[in-house]
């Protein structure tokens, strides 16, 4: 089956929800449209909440109107799932609907009859195969002439690599007002004491507003100082992690490429006397 636009991937997911398999494993490279499928799937289940990628939270849950829960896992960063494997086992034993991305590390946990959806990039479209461990399922569900290719490369005339090359992220956490830039768009957030807890959420929210996700970022620039000790430390930890995980260039505010950001506090850290 072929899919040639983001809307078709959403429609495919929504229609697939009518058959409502309880456990789905999504297989596909970064950027092939797995999260787009889940967005459509959630809509088909009657979920009104915005669905976003769990790449950095490992799992996200969404309440289904009939009282069940859709749980979306992404084990991309986990060679050893550890406690998350126990979380998955517990949810499999309940009446939840489970969608798993990058499930190699938990293959032995998934039930034998779970549905596997494989999405492959084929030029300007996505090729989608539905099967279980016994082989390809020809008629589950029947999608007629539906064609699938996430992120509309045909409509835009651009391929994934071209679009990814244009998304540059700038972050400044040196003051209580966090500044985020996505190309020419600037966002400000009075983060206060919420910086450590909500910075990733803030960035992801703005990416989603622009129809993007973590793996669309092509380059990160960080205001490395001087400024707030706590703000710079938290911001540097986030951009260093993102650049490493996404394997993309990292620059300081002078435009110099660096392996990691080392904050320039402009002064010695103000560290109090240890408590006895």
C-alpha atoms as a PDB file:
ATOM      1  CA  UNK A   1       0.000   0.000   0.000  1.00  0.00           C
ATOM      2  CA  UNK A   2       1.273   3.502  -0.865  1.00  0.00           C
ATOM      3  CA  UNK A   3       0.743   6.750   1.027  1.00  0.00           C
ATOM      4  CA  UNK A   4       1.662  10.045  -0.614  1.00  0.00           C
ATOM      5  CA  UNK A   5       0.707  12.766   1.881  1.00  0.00           C
ATOM      6  CA  UNK A   6       0.542  13.496   5.590  1.00  0.00           C
ATOM      7  CA  UNK A   7      -3.251  13.636   5.375  1.00  0.00           C
ATOM      8  CA  UNK A   8      -3.355  10.164   3.862  1.00  0.00           C
ATOM      9  CA  UNK A   9      -1.246   8.844   6.730  1.00  0.00           C
ATOM     10  CA  UNK A  10      -3.646  10.470   9.212  1.00  0.00           C
ATOM     11  CA  UNK A  11      -6.641   8.987   7.353  1.00  0.00           C
ATOM     12  CA  UNK A  12      -4.983   5.564   7.316  1.00  0.00           C
ATOM     13  CA  UNK A  13      -4.436   5.697  11.082  1.00  0.00           C
ATOM     14  CA  UNK A  14      -7.992   6.871  11.716  1.00  0.00           C
ATOM     15  CA  UNK A  15      -9.462   4.113   9.564  1.00  0.00           C
ATOM     16  CA  UNK A  16      -7.183   1.502  11.130  1.00  0.00           C
ATOM     17  CA  UNK A  17      -8.623   2.368  14.556  1.00  0.00           C
ATOM     18  CA  UNK A  18     -11.978   0.958  13.429  1.00  0.00           C
ATOM     19  CA  UNK A  19     -10.464  -2.542  13.528  1.00  0.00           C
ATOM     20  CA  UNK A  20      -8.937  -1.608  16.882  1.00  0.00           C
ATOM     21  CA  UNK A  21      -6.107  -4.127  17.326  1.00  0.00           C
ATOM     22  CA  UNK A  22      -4.975  -4.002  20.948  1.00  0.00           C
ATOM     23  CA  UNK A  23      -1.196  -4.061  20.365  1.00  0.00           C
ATOM     24  CA  UNK A  24       0.561  -2.460  17.371  1.00  0.00           C
ATOM     25  CA  UNK A  25       4.284  -2.384  16.647  1.00  0.00           C
ATOM     26  CA  UNK A  26       5.421   0.354  14.249  1.00  0.00           C
ATOM     27  CA  UNK A  27       8.598  -0.289  12.260  1.00  0.00           C
ATOM     28  CA  UNK A  28      10.234   2.445  10.191  1.00  0.00           C
ATOM     29  CA  UNK A  29      13.166   4.806  10.034  1.00  0.00           C
ATOM     30  CA  UNK A  30      13.133   8.275  11.578  1.00  0.00           C
ATOM     31  CA  UNK A  31      10.824  10.592   9.639  1.00  0.00           C
ATOM     32  CA  UNK A  32       8.715   7.947   7.900  1.00  0.00           C
ATOM     33  CA  UNK A  33       5.476   9.007   9.610  1.00  0.00           C
ATOM     34  CA  UNK A  34       5.029   6.688  12.598  1.00  0.00           C
ATOM     35  CA  UNK A  35       3.838   9.439  14.938  1.00  0.00           C
ATOM     36  CA  UNK A  36       1.605  10.821  12.184  1.00  0.00           C
ATOM     37  CA  UNK A  37      -0.058   7.402  11.993  1.00  0.00           C
ATOM     38  CA  UNK A  38      -0.591   7.434  15.768  1.00  0.00           C
ATOM     39  CA  UNK A  39      -2.203  10.868  15.571  1.00  0.00           C
ATOM     40  CA  UNK A  40      -4.737   9.524  13.071  1.00  0.00           C
ATOM     41  CA  UNK A  41      -5.176   6.320  15.072  1.00  0.00           C
ATOM     42  CA  UNK A  42      -5.918   8.331  18.225  1.00  0.00           C
ATOM     43  CA  UNK A  43      -8.477  10.423  16.375  1.00  0.00           C
ATOM     44  CA  UNK A  44     -10.178   7.241  15.201  1.00  0.00           C
ATOM     45  CA  UNK A  45     -10.438   6.130  18.830  1.00  0.00           C
ATOM     46  CA  UNK A  46     -12.200   9.388  19.702  1.00  0.00           C
ATOM     47  CA  UNK A  47      -9.232  11.007  21.467  1.00  0.00           C
ATOM     48  CA  UNK A  48      -9.380  14.815  21.378  1.00  0.00           C
ATOM     49  CA  UNK A  49      -6.035  15.451  23.094  1.00  0.00           C
ATOM     50  CA  UNK A  50      -3.113  16.499  20.880  1.00  0.00           C
ATOM     51  CA  UNK A  51      -0.811  13.538  20.220  1.00  0.00           C
ATOM     52  CA  UNK A  52       2.938  14.191  20.232  1.00  0.00           C
ATOM     53  CA  UNK A  53       6.020  12.009  19.901  1.00  0.00           C
ATOM     54  CA  UNK A  54       7.212  10.279  23.109  1.00  0.00           C
ATOM     55  CA  UNK A  55      10.830  10.282  21.868  1.00  0.00           C
ATOM     56  CA  UNK A  56      12.167  11.947  25.028  1.00  0.00           C
ATOM     57  CA  UNK A  57       9.532  10.816  27.533  1.00  0.00           C
ATOM     58  CA  UNK A  58       9.532   7.133  26.417  1.00  0.00           C
ATOM     59  CA  UNK A  59       5.753   6.867  26.818  1.00  0.00           C
ATOM     60  CA  UNK A  60       2.627   9.006  26.623  1.00  0.00           C
ATOM     61  CA  UNK A  61      -0.941   8.099  27.595  1.00  0.00           C
ATOM     62  CA  UNK A  62      -4.254   9.317  26.187  1.00  0.00           C
ATOM     63  CA  UNK A  63      -7.713   8.671  27.620  1.00  0.00           C
ATOM     64  CA  UNK A  64     -10.154   6.980  25.225  1.00  0.00           C
ATOM     65  CA  UNK A  65     -13.830   7.980  25.659  1.00  0.00           C
ATOM     66  CA  UNK A  66     -14.864   4.336  26.283  1.00  0.00           C
ATOM     67  CA  UNK A  67     -12.761   4.263  29.466  1.00  0.00           C
ATOM     68  CA  UNK A  68      -9.653   2.573  28.089  1.00  0.00           C
ATOM     69  CA  UNK A  69      -6.247   4.186  27.554  1.00  0.00           C
ATOM     70  CA  UNK A  70      -4.037   4.491  24.474  1.00  0.00           C
ATOM     71  CA  UNK A  71      -0.381   4.198  25.504  1.00  0.00           C
ATOM     72  CA  UNK A  72       2.283   5.190  22.974  1.00  0.00           C
ATOM     73  CA  UNK A  73       5.843   3.927  23.638  1.00  0.00           C
ATOM     74  CA  UNK A  74       9.062   4.898  21.878  1.00  0.00           C
ATOM     75  CA  UNK A  75      12.103   2.818  22.867  1.00  0.00           C
ATOM     76  CA  UNK A  76      14.430   4.561  20.380  1.00  0.00           C
ATOM     77  CA  UNK A  77      16.967   5.575  23.042  1.00  0.00           C
ATOM     78  CA  UNK A  78      16.810   2.422  25.168  1.00  0.00           C
ATOM     79  CA  UNK A  79      19.001  -0.580  24.420  1.00  0.00           C
ATOM     80  CA  UNK A  80      17.908  -1.886  27.812  1.00  0.00           C
ATOM     81  CA  UNK A  81      14.334  -0.834  28.647  1.00  0.00           C
ATOM     82  CA  UNK A  82      14.766  -1.557  32.379  1.00  0.00           C
ATOM     83  CA  UNK A  83      11.795  -0.326  34.409  1.00  0.00           C
ATOM     84  CA  UNK A  84       9.941   0.657  31.231  1.00  0.00           C
ATOM     85  CA  UNK A  85       9.719  -3.047  30.354  1.00  0.00           C
ATOM     86  CA  UNK A  86       7.830  -3.626  33.611  1.00  0.00           C
ATOM     87  CA  UNK A  87       5.581  -0.667  32.791  1.00  0.00           C
ATOM     88  CA  UNK A  88       4.818  -2.172  29.385  1.00  0.00           C
ATOM     89  CA  UNK A  89       4.087  -5.610  30.877  1.00  0.00           C
ATOM     90  CA  UNK A  90       1.656  -4.107  33.364  1.00  0.00           C
ATOM     91  CA  UNK A  91      -0.191  -2.173  30.672  1.00  0.00           C
ATOM     92  CA  UNK A  92      -0.367  -5.224  28.413  1.00  0.00           C
ATOM     93  CA  UNK A  93      -2.162  -7.068  31.210  1.00  0.00           C
ATOM     94  CA  UNK A  94      -4.833  -4.365  31.360  1.00  0.00           C
ATOM     95  CA  UNK A  95      -7.376  -3.535  28.673  1.00  0.00           C
ATOM     96  CA  UNK A  96      -5.215  -0.745  27.236  1.00  0.00           C
ATOM     97  CA  UNK A  97      -4.385  -0.204  23.580  1.00  0.00           C
ATOM     98  CA  UNK A  98      -0.622  -0.202  23.046  1.00  0.00           C
ATOM     99  CA  UNK A  99       1.432   1.289  20.201  1.00  0.00           C
ATOM    100  CA  UNK A 100       5.194   0.648  20.266  1.00  0.00           C
ATOM    101  CA  UNK A 101       7.951   2.270  18.197  1.00  0.00           C
ATOM    102  CA  UNK A 102      11.525   0.932  18.043  1.00  0.00           C
ATOM    103  CA  UNK A 103      10.490  -2.254  19.844  1.00  0.00           C
ATOM    104  CA  UNK A 104      13.559  -4.455  19.288  1.00  0.00           C
ATOM    105  CA  UNK A 105      14.533  -4.320  22.964  1.00  0.00           C
ATOM    106  CA  UNK A 106      11.095  -5.577  24.122  1.00  0.00           C
ATOM    107  CA  UNK A 107      10.309  -8.119  21.359  1.00  0.00           C
ATOM    108  CA  UNK A 108       9.980 -10.933  23.908  1.00  0.00           C
ATOM    109  CA  UNK A 109       7.355  -8.984  25.853  1.00  0.00           C
ATOM    110  CA  UNK A 110       4.941  -8.234  23.011  1.00  0.00           C
ATOM    111  CA  UNK A 111       2.125 -10.792  22.511  1.00  0.00           C
ATOM    112  CA  UNK A 112       2.524 -13.222  19.619  1.00  0.00           C
ATOM    113  CA  UNK A 113      -0.639 -12.011  17.884  1.00  0.00           C
ATOM    114  CA  UNK A 114       0.259  -8.300  17.846  1.00  0.00           C
ATOM    115  CA  UNK A 115      -0.040  -6.356  14.600  1.00  0.00           C
ATOM    116  CA  UNK A 116       3.123  -5.091  12.883  1.00  0.00           C
ATOM    117  CA  UNK A 117       2.959  -2.061  10.591  1.00  0.00           C
ATOM    118  CA  UNK A 118       6.123  -1.440   8.575  1.00  0.00           C
ATOM    119  CA  UNK A 119       6.606   1.943   6.876  1.00  0.00           C
ATOM    120  CA  UNK A 120       9.358   2.371   4.292  1.00  0.00           C
ATOM    121  CA  UNK A 121      10.469   5.428   2.355  1.00  0.00           C
ATOM    122  CA  UNK A 122      10.217   4.736  -1.385  1.00  0.00           C
ATOM    123  CA  UNK A 123      11.203   7.852  -3.300  1.00  0.00           C
ATOM    124  CA  UNK A 124       8.312  10.302  -3.016  1.00  0.00           C
ATOM    125  CA  UNK A 125       5.931   7.969  -1.160  1.00  0.00           C
ATOM    126  CA  UNK A 126       5.734   5.605   1.822  1.00  0.00           C
ATOM    127  CA  UNK A 127       5.180   1.882   1.357  1.00  0.00           C
ATOM    128  CA  UNK A 128       3.107   0.388   4.177  1.00  0.00           C
ATOM    129  CA  UNK A 129       2.867  -3.318   5.014  1.00  0.00           C
ATOM    130  CA  UNK A 130       0.552  -4.772   7.656  1.00  0.00           C
ATOM    131  CA  UNK A 131       1.364  -8.180   9.107  1.00  0.00           C
ATOM    132  CA  UNK A 132       1.757 -10.287  12.218  1.00  0.00           C
ATOM    133  CA  UNK A 133       4.431 -12.814  13.065  1.00  0.00           C
ATOM    134  CA  UNK A 134       2.787 -15.338  10.737  1.00  0.00           C
ATOM    135  CA  UNK A 135       3.113 -13.132   7.675  1.00  0.00           C
ATOM    136  CA  UNK A 136       1.464 -10.358   5.663  1.00  0.00           C
ATOM    137  CA  UNK A 137      -2.186  -9.672   6.389  1.00  0.00           C
ATOM    138  CA  UNK A 138      -3.834  -8.947   3.067  1.00  0.00           C
ATOM    139  CA  UNK A 139      -7.160  -7.548   4.245  1.00  0.00           C
ATOM    140  CA  UNK A 140      -6.656  -5.991   7.678  1.00  0.00           C
ATOM    141  CA  UNK A 141      -8.123  -3.490   7.278  1.00  0.00           C
ATOM    142  CA  UNK A 142      -9.367  -2.977   3.705  1.00  0.00           C
ATOM    143  CA  UNK A 143      -8.173   0.465   2.657  1.00  0.00           C
ATOM    144  CA  UNK A 144      -9.121   0.370  -1.012  1.00  0.00           C
ATOM    145  CA  UNK A 145      -7.007   2.820  -2.952  1.00  0.00           C
ATOM    146  CA  UNK A 146      -5.522   4.581   0.097  1.00  0.00           C
ATOM    147  CA  UNK A 147      -1.950   5.700  -0.523  1.00  0.00           C
ATOM    148  CA  UNK A 148       0.489   6.624   2.283  1.00  0.00           C
ATOM    149  CA  UNK A 149       3.425   9.091   2.385  1.00  0.00           C
ATOM    150  CA  UNK A 150       3.862  11.227   5.472  1.00  0.00           C
ATOM    151  CA  UNK A 151       4.904  14.874   5.471  1.00  0.00           C
ATOM    152  CA  UNK A 152       3.640  15.525   1.921  1.00  0.00           C
ATOM    153  CA  UNK A 153       6.892  15.549  -0.081  1.00  0.00           C
ATOM    154  CA  UNK A 154       4.879  15.495  -3.309  1.00  0.00           C
ATOM    155  CA  UNK A 155       2.720  18.474  -2.348  1.00  0.00           C
ATOM    156  CA  UNK A 156       5.649  20.603  -1.255  1.00  0.00           C
ATOM    157  CA  UNK A 157       8.112  19.550  -3.943  1.00  0.00           C
ATOM    158  CA  UNK A 158      10.729  18.965  -1.260  1.00  0.00           C
ATOM    159  CA  UNK A 159      12.205  15.782   0.072  1.00  0.00           C
ATOM    160  CA  UNK A 160      12.777  15.051   3.765  1.00  0.00           C
ATOM    161  CA  UNK A 161      16.465  15.891   3.652  1.00  0.00           C
ATOM    162  CA  UNK A 162      15.784  19.318   2.131  1.00  0.00           C
ATOM    163  CA  UNK A 163      13.266  20.220   4.802  1.00  0.00           C
ATOM    164  CA  UNK A 164      15.441  18.931   7.624  1.00  0.00           C
ATOM    165  CA  UNK A 165      18.328  21.090   6.415  1.00  0.00           C
ATOM    166  CA  UNK A 166      16.307  24.249   7.014  1.00  0.00           C
ATOM    167  CA  UNK A 167      15.262  23.866  10.666  1.00  0.00           C
ATOM    168  CA  UNK A 168      17.795  25.617  12.898  1.00  0.00           C
ATOM    169  CA  UNK A 169      17.116  25.878  16.603  1.00  0.00           C
ATOM    170  CA  UNK A 170      18.520  28.637  18.833  1.00  0.00           C
ATOM    171  CA  UNK A 171      18.144  28.519  22.624  1.00  0.00           C
ATOM    172  CA  UNK A 172      18.973  31.110  25.284  1.00  0.00           C
ATOM    173  CA  UNK A 173      18.442  30.178  28.950  1.00  0.00           C
ATOM    174  CA  UNK A 174      20.909  32.712  30.363  1.00  0.00           C
ATOM    175  CA  UNK A 175      18.122  34.831  31.922  1.00  0.00           C
ATOM    176  CA  UNK A 176      14.758  34.032  33.576  1.00  0.00           C
ATOM    177  CA  UNK A 177      13.145  34.655  30.174  1.00  0.00           C
ATOM    178  CA  UNK A 178      13.966  31.694  27.960  1.00  0.00           C
ATOM    179  CA  UNK A 179      14.268  32.527  24.266  1.00  0.00           C
ATOM    180  CA  UNK A 180      13.714  29.875  21.611  1.00  0.00           C
ATOM    181  CA  UNK A 181      14.101  30.484  17.884  1.00  0.00           C
ATOM    182  CA  UNK A 182      13.052  28.079  15.143  1.00  0.00           C
ATOM    183  CA  UNK A 183      14.580  29.603  12.039  1.00  0.00           C
ATOM    184  CA  UNK A 184      13.116  33.140  12.011  1.00  0.00           C
ATOM    185  CA  UNK A 185      10.313  32.504  14.531  1.00  0.00           C
ATOM    186  CA  UNK A 186      11.054  33.624  18.091  1.00  0.00           C
ATOM    187  CA  UNK A 187       9.303  32.459  21.270  1.00  0.00           C
ATOM    188  CA  UNK A 188       9.756  33.780  24.807  1.00  0.00           C
ATOM    189  CA  UNK A 189       8.878  32.005  28.029  1.00  0.00           C
ATOM    190  CA  UNK A 190       9.141  33.305  31.595  1.00  0.00           C
ATOM    191  CA  UNK A 191      10.370  29.970  32.859  1.00  0.00           C
ATOM    192  CA  UNK A 192      11.024  30.889  36.501  1.00  0.00           C
ATOM    193  CA  UNK A 193      11.609  27.744  38.553  1.00  0.00           C
ATOM    194  CA  UNK A 194      10.045  25.496  35.900  1.00  0.00           C
ATOM    195  CA  UNK A 195      13.036  25.471  33.536  1.00  0.00           C
ATOM    196  CA  UNK A 196      14.450  22.067  34.462  1.00  0.00           C
ATOM    197  CA  UNK A 197      11.065  20.356  34.501  1.00  0.00           C
ATOM    198  CA  UNK A 198       9.420  21.933  31.459  1.00  0.00           C
ATOM    199  CA  UNK A 199      12.148  23.074  29.029  1.00  0.00           C
ATOM    200  CA  UNK A 200      11.903  19.997  26.793  1.00  0.00           C
ATOM    201  CA  UNK A 201       8.118  20.255  26.861  1.00  0.00           C
ATOM    202  CA  UNK A 202       8.321  23.939  25.845  1.00  0.00           C
ATOM    203  CA  UNK A 203      10.628  23.181  22.902  1.00  0.00           C
ATOM    204  CA  UNK A 204       8.550  20.233  21.744  1.00  0.00           C
ATOM    205  CA  UNK A 205       5.329  22.239  21.939  1.00  0.00           C
ATOM    206  CA  UNK A 206       6.763  24.914  19.649  1.00  0.00           C
ATOM    207  CA  UNK A 207       8.099  22.302  17.240  1.00  0.00           C
ATOM    208  CA  UNK A 208       4.636  20.763  17.042  1.00  0.00           C
ATOM    209  CA  UNK A 209       3.064  24.185  16.408  1.00  0.00           C
ATOM    210  CA  UNK A 210       5.281  24.384  13.328  1.00  0.00           C
ATOM    211  CA  UNK A 211       4.448  20.863  12.165  1.00  0.00           C
ATOM    212  CA  UNK A 212       7.877  19.582  13.181  1.00  0.00           C
ATOM    213  CA  UNK A 213       9.371  17.105  15.619  1.00  0.00           C
ATOM    214  CA  UNK A 214      12.744  16.479  17.249  1.00  0.00           C
ATOM    215  CA  UNK A 215      14.226  14.691  14.243  1.00  0.00           C
ATOM    216  CA  UNK A 216      13.465  17.636  11.947  1.00  0.00           C
ATOM    217  CA  UNK A 217      16.050  19.798  13.773  1.00  0.00           C
ATOM    218  CA  UNK A 218      19.175  20.140  11.661  1.00  0.00           C
ATOM    219  CA  UNK A 219      21.352  22.386  13.849  1.00  0.00           C
ATOM    220  CA  UNK A 220      21.391  23.826  17.385  1.00  0.00           C
ATOM    221  CA  UNK A 221      22.929  27.093  18.557  1.00  0.00           C
ATOM    222  CA  UNK A 222      23.071  27.918  22.267  1.00  0.00           C
ATOM    223  CA  UNK A 223      23.704  31.182  24.109  1.00  0.00           C
ATOM    224  CA  UNK A 224      26.531  29.812  26.204  1.00  0.00           C
ATOM    225  CA  UNK A 225      26.952  32.845  28.481  1.00  0.00           C
ATOM    226  CA  UNK A 226      27.516  34.803  30.502  1.00  0.00           C
ATOM    227  CA  UNK A 227      24.360  34.609  32.552  1.00  0.00           C
ATOM    228  CA  UNK A 228      22.440  32.635  35.153  1.00  0.00           C
ATOM    229  CA  UNK A 229      24.392  29.696  36.569  1.00  0.00           C
ATOM    230  CA  UNK A 230      21.311  27.484  36.884  1.00  0.00           C
ATOM    231  CA  UNK A 231      19.796  28.530  33.558  1.00  0.00           C
ATOM    232  CA  UNK A 232      22.996  27.977  31.580  1.00  0.00           C
ATOM    233  CA  UNK A 233      23.645  24.638  33.262  1.00  0.00           C
ATOM    234  CA  UNK A 234      20.150  23.323  32.477  1.00  0.00           C
ATOM    235  CA  UNK A 235      20.103  24.685  28.943  1.00  0.00           C
ATOM    236  CA  UNK A 236      23.558  23.304  28.150  1.00  0.00           C
ATOM    237  CA  UNK A 237      22.569  19.851  29.409  1.00  0.00           C
ATOM    238  CA  UNK A 238      19.501  19.880  27.153  1.00  0.00           C
ATOM    239  CA  UNK A 239      21.231  21.036  23.940  1.00  0.00           C
ATOM    240  CA  UNK A 240      24.217  18.746  24.489  1.00  0.00           C
ATOM    241  CA  UNK A 241      21.847  15.787  24.855  1.00  0.00           C
ATOM    242  CA  UNK A 242      19.727  16.760  21.844  1.00  0.00           C
ATOM    243  CA  UNK A 243      22.719  17.289  19.574  1.00  0.00           C
ATOM    244  CA  UNK A 244      24.214  13.957  20.625  1.00  0.00           C
ATOM    245  CA  UNK A 245      20.974  11.971  20.289  1.00  0.00           C
ATOM    246  CA  UNK A 246      20.013  13.550  16.962  1.00  0.00           C
ATOM    247  CA  UNK A 247      23.605  13.523  15.632  1.00  0.00           C
ATOM    248  CA  UNK A 248      23.428  17.140  14.431  1.00  0.00           C
ATOM    249  CA  UNK A 249      25.838  20.120  14.603  1.00  0.00           C
ATOM    250  CA  UNK A 250      26.046  22.130  17.831  1.00  0.00           C
ATOM    251  CA  UNK A 251      27.258  25.743  17.975  1.00  0.00           C
ATOM    252  CA  UNK A 252      27.905  28.290  20.697  1.00  0.00           C
ATOM    253  CA  UNK A 253      26.523  31.837  20.389  1.00  0.00           C
ATOM    254  CA  UNK A 254      29.649  32.901  18.499  1.00  0.00           C
ATOM    255  CA  UNK A 255      28.705  30.502  15.710  1.00  0.00           C
ATOM    256  CA  UNK A 256      31.594  28.150  16.477  1.00  0.00           C
ATOM    257  CA  UNK A 257      30.958  24.434  16.075  1.00  0.00           C
ATOM    258  CA  UNK A 258      31.650  22.570  19.307  1.00  0.00           C
ATOM    259  CA  UNK A 259      31.393  18.981  20.475  1.00  0.00           C
ATOM    260  CA  UNK A 260      29.692  20.036  23.708  1.00  0.00           C
ATOM    261  CA  UNK A 261      28.576  23.339  25.191  1.00  0.00           C
ATOM    262  CA  UNK A 262      30.634  24.489  28.152  1.00  0.00           C
ATOM    263  CA  UNK A 263      28.693  27.327  29.846  1.00  0.00           C
ATOM    264  CA  UNK A 264      30.526  30.621  30.344  1.00  0.00           C
ATOM    265  CA  UNK A 265      29.070  31.949  33.591  1.00  0.00           C
ATOM    266  CA  UNK A 266      31.166  35.135  33.469  1.00  0.00           C
ATOM    267  CA  UNK A 267      32.120  34.598  37.091  1.00  0.00           C
ATOM    268  CA  UNK A 268      32.821  31.854  39.609  1.00  0.00           C
ATOM    269  CA  UNK A 269      29.782  29.803  40.558  1.00  0.00           C
ATOM    270  CA  UNK A 270      28.124  30.992  43.763  1.00  0.00           C
ATOM    271  CA  UNK A 271      28.173  27.778  45.758  1.00  0.00           C
ATOM    272  CA  UNK A 272      27.092  27.962  49.378  1.00  0.00           C
ATOM    273  CA  UNK A 273      28.643  26.208  52.357  1.00  0.00           C
ATOM    274  CA  UNK A 274      27.637  22.540  52.492  1.00  0.00           C
ATOM    275  CA  UNK A 275      24.986  21.727  55.091  1.00  0.00           C
ATOM    276  CA  UNK A 276      26.102  19.636  58.036  1.00  0.00           C
END
